[in-house]
C-alpha cells in the first residue's frame, strides 16, 4: 500500500481533467441561454447522460 498514492495520482489527474472539461461545457452552454433555469436543467441532463454512457459516476 505504500505505492497506493502513486497509483491514485494518475486517476485523480484524469478525473480533474474530466471535471475541467465538464465545467467548460457548462460554462459555454450557460453563456448562450441567458441563464434560463429550464435550459440549464436540459443541459445538465444531457451532460449526465453523456457522462453515464462513459461509465462514470457522480
PDB file of N, CA and C in Angstrom:
ATOM      1  N   UNK A   1       0.797  -1.221   0.000  1.00  0.00           N
ATOM      2  CA  UNK A   1       0.000   0.000   0.000  1.00  0.00           C
ATOM      3  C   UNK A   1       0.834   1.277   0.000  1.00  0.00           C
ATOM      4  N   UNK A   2       2.139   1.183   0.209  1.00  0.00           N
ATOM      5  CA  UNK A   2       2.954   2.395   0.171  1.00  0.00           C
ATOM      6  C   UNK A   2       2.917   3.062  -1.195  1.00  0.00           C
ATOM      7  N   UNK A   3       2.740   2.269  -2.260  1.00  0.00           N
ATOM      8  CA  UNK A   3       2.696   2.847  -3.599  1.00  0.00           C
ATOM      9  C   UNK A   3       1.273   3.234  -4.011  1.00  0.00           C
ATOM     10  N   UNK A   4       0.294   3.066  -3.115  1.00  0.00           N
ATOM     11  CA  UNK A   4      -1.095   3.392  -3.440  1.00  0.00           C
ATOM     12  C   UNK A   4      -1.257   4.842  -3.892  1.00  0.00           C
ATOM     13  N   UNK A   5      -0.680   5.822  -3.192  1.00  0.00           N
ATOM     14  CA  UNK A   5      -0.821   7.204  -3.677  1.00  0.00           C
ATOM     15  C   UNK A   5      -0.244   7.390  -5.082  1.00  0.00           C
ATOM     16  N   UNK A   6       0.840   6.716  -5.367  1.00  0.00           N
ATOM     17  CA  UNK A   6       1.443   6.837  -6.691  1.00  0.00           C
ATOM     18  C   UNK A   6       0.518   6.288  -7.771  1.00  0.00           C
ATOM     19  N   UNK A   7      -0.263   5.281  -7.429  1.00  0.00           N
ATOM     20  CA  UNK A   7      -1.210   4.721  -8.393  1.00  0.00           C
ATOM     21  C   UNK A   7      -2.461   5.571  -8.498  1.00  0.00           C
ATOM     22  N   UNK A   8      -2.825   6.247  -7.421  1.00  0.00           N
ATOM     23  CA  UNK A   8      -4.044   7.045  -7.423  1.00  0.00           C
ATOM     24  C   UNK A   8      -3.861   8.403  -8.093  1.00  0.00           C
ATOM     25  N   UNK A   9      -2.667   8.926  -8.095  1.00  0.00           N
ATOM     26  CA  UNK A   9      -2.436  10.259  -8.658  1.00  0.00           C
ATOM     27  C   UNK A   9      -2.829  10.334 -10.135  1.00  0.00           C
ATOM     28  N   UNK A  10      -2.432   9.393 -10.998  1.00  0.00           N
ATOM     29  CA  UNK A  10      -2.861   9.489 -12.398  1.00  0.00           C
ATOM     30  C   UNK A  10      -4.391   9.444 -12.550  1.00  0.00           C
ATOM     31  N   UNK A  11      -5.053   8.613 -11.749  1.00  0.00           N
ATOM     32  CA  UNK A  11      -6.514   8.552 -11.806  1.00  0.00           C
ATOM     33  C   UNK A  11      -7.119   9.881 -11.362  1.00  0.00           C
ATOM     34  N   UNK A  12      -6.576  10.454 -10.307  1.00  0.00           N
ATOM     35  CA  UNK A  12      -7.058  11.743  -9.823  1.00  0.00           C
ATOM     36  C   UNK A  12      -6.881  12.821 -10.893  1.00  0.00           C
ATOM     37  N   UNK A  13      -5.742  12.830 -11.543  1.00  0.00           N
ATOM     38  CA  UNK A  13      -5.497  13.818 -12.593  1.00  0.00           C
ATOM     39  C   UNK A  13      -6.461  13.639 -13.756  1.00  0.00           C
ATOM     40  N   UNK A  14      -6.747  12.395 -14.124  1.00  0.00           N
ATOM     41  CA  UNK A  14      -7.723  12.139 -15.187  1.00  0.00           C
ATOM     42  C   UNK A  14      -9.100  12.661 -14.800  1.00  0.00           C
ATOM     43  N   UNK A  15      -9.485  12.422 -13.556  1.00  0.00           N
ATOM     44  CA  UNK A  15     -10.794  12.891 -13.092  1.00  0.00           C
ATOM     45  C   UNK A  15     -10.858  14.415 -13.038  1.00  0.00           C
ATOM     46  N   UNK A  16      -9.770  15.048 -12.633  1.00  0.00           N
ATOM     47  CA  UNK A  16      -9.727  16.510 -12.610  1.00  0.00           C
ATOM     48  C   UNK A  16      -9.827  17.077 -14.022  1.00  0.00           C
ATOM     49  N   UNK A  17      -9.167  16.441 -14.964  1.00  0.00           N
ATOM     50  CA  UNK A  17      -9.246  16.893 -16.353  1.00  0.00           C
ATOM     51  C   UNK A  17     -10.672  16.754 -16.875  1.00  0.00           C
ATOM     52  N   UNK A  18     -11.328  15.640 -16.553  1.00  0.00           N
ATOM     53  CA  UNK A  18     -12.714  15.440 -16.978  1.00  0.00           C
ATOM     54  C   UNK A  18     -13.629  16.475 -16.335  1.00  0.00           C
ATOM     55  N   UNK A  19     -13.391  16.783 -15.076  1.00  0.00           N
ATOM     56  CA  UNK A  19     -14.185  17.798 -14.391  1.00  0.00           C
ATOM     57  C   UNK A  19     -13.982  19.166 -15.042  1.00  0.00           C
ATOM     58  N   UNK A  20     -12.761  19.465 -15.407  1.00  0.00           N
ATOM     59  CA  UNK A  20     -12.482  20.726 -16.092  1.00  0.00           C
ATOM     60  C   UNK A  20     -13.201  20.808 -17.426  1.00  0.00           C
ATOM     61  N   UNK A  21     -13.213  19.698 -18.169  1.00  0.00           N
ATOM     62  CA  UNK A  21     -13.936  19.662 -19.440  1.00  0.00           C
ATOM     63  C   UNK A  21     -15.427  19.873 -19.220  1.00  0.00           C
ATOM     64  N   UNK A  22     -15.974  19.230 -18.202  1.00  0.00           N
ATOM     65  CA  UNK A  22     -17.391  19.382 -17.889  1.00  0.00           C
ATOM     66  C   UNK A  22     -17.705  20.828 -17.523  1.00  0.00           C
ATOM     67  N   UNK A  23     -16.859  21.440 -16.709  1.00  0.00           N
ATOM     68  CA  UNK A  23     -17.073  22.834 -16.320  1.00  0.00           C
ATOM     69  C   UNK A  23     -17.032  23.750 -17.540  1.00  0.00           C
ATOM     70  N   UNK A  24     -16.140  23.468 -18.454  1.00  0.00           N
ATOM     71  CA  UNK A  24     -16.051  24.284 -19.670  1.00  0.00           C
ATOM     72  C   UNK A  24     -17.317  24.139 -20.507  1.00  0.00           C
ATOM     73  N   UNK A  25     -17.828  22.917 -20.645  1.00  0.00           N
ATOM     74  CA  UNK A  25     -19.058  22.685 -21.402  1.00  0.00           C
ATOM     75  C   UNK A  25     -20.233  23.417 -20.770  1.00  0.00           C
ATOM     76  N   UNK A  26     -20.336  23.336 -19.454  1.00  0.00           N
ATOM     77  CA  UNK A  26     -21.434  24.012 -18.752  1.00  0.00           C
ATOM     78  C   UNK A  26     -21.306  25.519 -18.928  1.00  0.00           C
ATOM     79  N   UNK A  27     -20.111  26.045 -18.789  1.00  0.00           N
ATOM     80  CA  UNK A  27     -19.889  27.479 -18.940  1.00  0.00           C
ATOM     81  C   UNK A  27     -20.291  27.946 -20.337  1.00  0.00           C
ATOM     82  N   UNK A  28     -19.872  27.222 -21.354  1.00  0.00           N
ATOM     83  CA  UNK A  28     -20.227  27.594 -22.717  1.00  0.00           C
ATOM     84  C   UNK A  28     -21.730  27.506 -22.937  1.00  0.00           C
ATOM     85  N   UNK A  29     -22.335  26.455 -22.412  1.00  0.00           N
ATOM     86  CA  UNK A  29     -23.776  26.276 -22.583  1.00  0.00           C
ATOM     87  C   UNK A  29     -24.561  27.369 -21.865  1.00  0.00           C
ATOM     88  N   UNK A  30     -24.159  27.724 -20.682  1.00  0.00           N
ATOM     89  CA  UNK A  30     -24.873  28.753 -19.921  1.00  0.00           C
ATOM     90  C   UNK A  30     -24.732  30.126 -20.564  1.00  0.00           C
ATOM     91  N   UNK A  31     -23.605  30.373 -21.161  1.00  0.00           N
ATOM     92  CA  UNK A  31     -23.381  31.669 -21.786  1.00  0.00           C
ATOM     93  C   UNK A  31     -24.321  31.934 -22.939  1.00  0.00           C
ATOM     94  N   UNK A  32     -24.823  30.883 -23.549  1.00  0.00           N
ATOM     95  CA  UNK A  32     -25.685  31.050 -24.712  1.00  0.00           C
ATOM     96  C   UNK A  32     -27.165  30.986 -24.422  1.00  0.00           C
ATOM     97  N   UNK A  33     -27.574  30.744 -23.185  1.00  0.00           N
ATOM     98  CA  UNK A  33     -29.008  30.582 -22.948  1.00  0.00           C
ATOM     99  C   UNK A  33     -29.596  31.640 -22.023  1.00  0.00           C
ATOM    100  N   UNK A  34     -28.835  32.614 -21.638  1.00  0.00           N
ATOM    101  CA  UNK A  34     -29.360  33.658 -20.767  1.00  0.00           C
ATOM    102  C   UNK A  34     -29.678  33.180 -19.364  1.00  0.00           C
ATOM    103  N   UNK A  35     -29.090  32.069 -18.954  1.00  0.00           N
ATOM    104  CA  UNK A  35     -29.271  31.537 -17.604  1.00  0.00           C
ATOM    105  C   UNK A  35     -30.723  31.204 -17.289  1.00  0.00           C
ATOM    106  N   UNK A  36     -31.419  30.618 -18.244  1.00  0.00           N
ATOM    107  CA  UNK A  36     -32.799  30.178 -18.007  1.00  0.00           C
ATOM    108  C   UNK A  36     -32.767  28.824 -17.309  1.00  0.00           C
ATOM    109  N   UNK A  37     -33.493  28.726 -16.232  1.00  0.00           N
ATOM    110  CA  UNK A  37     -33.456  27.511 -15.397  1.00  0.00           C
ATOM    111  C   UNK A  37     -33.829  26.262 -16.188  1.00  0.00           C
ATOM    112  N   UNK A  38     -34.841  26.329 -17.011  1.00  0.00           N
ATOM    113  CA  UNK A  38     -35.264  25.162 -17.790  1.00  0.00           C
ATOM    114  C   UNK A  38     -34.187  24.683 -18.738  1.00  0.00           C
ATOM    115  N   UNK A  39     -33.513  25.616 -19.359  1.00  0.00           N
ATOM    116  CA  UNK A  39     -32.433  25.262 -20.272  1.00  0.00           C
ATOM    117  C   UNK A  39     -31.254  24.661 -19.520  1.00  0.00           C
ATOM    118  N   UNK A  40     -30.966  25.199 -18.362  1.00  0.00           N
ATOM    119  CA  UNK A  40     -29.876  24.656 -17.548  1.00  0.00           C
ATOM    120  C   UNK A  40     -30.169  23.205 -17.188  1.00  0.00           C
ATOM    121  N   UNK A  41     -31.419  22.906 -16.820  1.00  0.00           N
ATOM    122  CA  UNK A  41     -31.790  21.536 -16.470  1.00  0.00           C
ATOM    123  C   UNK A  41     -31.583  20.602 -17.659  1.00  0.00           C
ATOM    124  N   UNK A  42     -31.975  21.040 -18.854  1.00  0.00           N
ATOM    125  CA  UNK A  42     -31.787  20.217 -20.057  1.00  0.00           C
ATOM    126  C   UNK A  42     -30.302  19.961 -20.312  1.00  0.00           C
ATOM    127  N   UNK A  43     -29.507  20.999 -20.143  1.00  0.00           N
ATOM    128  CA  UNK A  43     -28.063  20.862 -20.355  1.00  0.00           C
ATOM    129  C   UNK A  43     -27.472  19.859 -19.368  1.00  0.00           C
ATOM    130  N   UNK A  44     -27.843  20.001 -18.096  1.00  0.00           N
ATOM    131  CA  UNK A  44     -27.317  19.085 -17.082  1.00  0.00           C
ATOM    132  C   UNK A  44     -27.744  17.652 -17.347  1.00  0.00           C
ATOM    133  N   UNK A  45     -28.992  17.451 -17.764  1.00  0.00           N
ATOM    134  CA  UNK A  45     -29.452  16.096 -18.073  1.00  0.00           C
ATOM    135  C   UNK A  45     -28.664  15.520 -19.239  1.00  0.00           C
ATOM    136  N   UNK A  46     -28.409  16.336 -20.247  1.00  0.00           N
ATOM    137  CA  UNK A  46     -27.624  15.878 -21.386  1.00  0.00           C
ATOM    138  C   UNK A  46     -26.203  15.520 -20.989  1.00  0.00           C
ATOM    139  N   UNK A  47     -25.604  16.351 -20.151  1.00  0.00           N
ATOM    140  CA  UNK A  47     -24.245  16.066 -19.700  1.00  0.00           C
ATOM    141  C   UNK A  47     -24.198  14.823 -18.828  1.00  0.00           C
ATOM    142  N   UNK A  48     -25.200  14.662 -17.977  1.00  0.00           N
ATOM    143  CA  UNK A  48     -25.245  13.458 -17.132  1.00  0.00           C
ATOM    144  C   UNK A  48     -25.393  12.217 -17.998  1.00  0.00           C
ATOM    145  N   UNK A  49     -26.245  12.289 -19.007  1.00  0.00           N
ATOM    146  CA  UNK A  49     -26.428  11.151 -19.906  1.00  0.00           C
ATOM    147  C   UNK A  49     -25.138  10.793 -20.611  1.00  0.00           C
ATOM    148  N   UNK A  50     -24.406  11.816 -21.059  1.00  0.00           N
ATOM    149  CA  UNK A  50     -23.126  11.571 -21.721  1.00  0.00           C
ATOM    150  C   UNK A  50     -22.134  10.973 -20.733  1.00  0.00           C
ATOM    151  N   UNK A  51     -22.094  11.518 -19.534  1.00  0.00           N
ATOM    152  CA  UNK A  51     -21.171  11.024 -18.505  1.00  0.00           C
ATOM    153  C   UNK A  51     -21.503   9.582 -18.153  1.00  0.00           C
ATOM    154  N   UNK A  52     -22.801   9.273 -17.990  1.00  0.00           N
ATOM    155  CA  UNK A  52     -23.212   7.913 -17.648  1.00  0.00           C
ATOM    156  C   UNK A  52     -22.856   6.937 -18.759  1.00  0.00           C
ATOM    157  N   UNK A  53     -22.975   7.377 -20.012  1.00  0.00           N
ATOM    158  CA  UNK A  53     -22.649   6.490 -21.122  1.00  0.00           C
ATOM    159  C   UNK A  53     -21.152   6.201 -21.181  1.00  0.00           C
ATOM    160  N   UNK A  54     -20.357   7.044 -20.522  1.00  0.00           N
ATOM    161  CA  UNK A  54     -18.913   6.835 -20.464  1.00  0.00           C
ATOM    162  C   UNK A  54     -18.521   5.955 -19.279  1.00  0.00           C
ATOM    163  N   UNK A  55     -19.507   5.526 -18.493  1.00  0.00           N
ATOM    164  CA  UNK A  55     -19.237   4.654 -17.355  1.00  0.00           C
ATOM    165  C   UNK A  55     -18.814   5.389 -16.108  1.00  0.00           C
ATOM    166  N   UNK A  56     -19.088   6.677 -16.042  1.00  0.00           N
ATOM    167  CA  UNK A  56     -18.676   7.458 -14.881  1.00  0.00           C
ATOM    168  C   UNK A  56     -19.708   7.446 -13.780  1.00  0.00           C
ATOM    169  N   UNK A  57     -19.301   7.933 -12.629  1.00  0.00           N
ATOM    170  CA  UNK A  57     -20.230   8.079 -11.513  1.00  0.00           C
ATOM    171  C   UNK A  57     -20.041   9.457 -10.913  1.00  0.00           C
ATOM    172  N   UNK A  58     -21.094   9.994 -10.286  1.00  0.00           N
ATOM    173  CA  UNK A  58     -21.050  11.338  -9.706  1.00  0.00           C
ATOM    174  C   UNK A  58     -21.168  11.262  -8.242  1.00  0.00           C
TER     175      UNK A  58
END
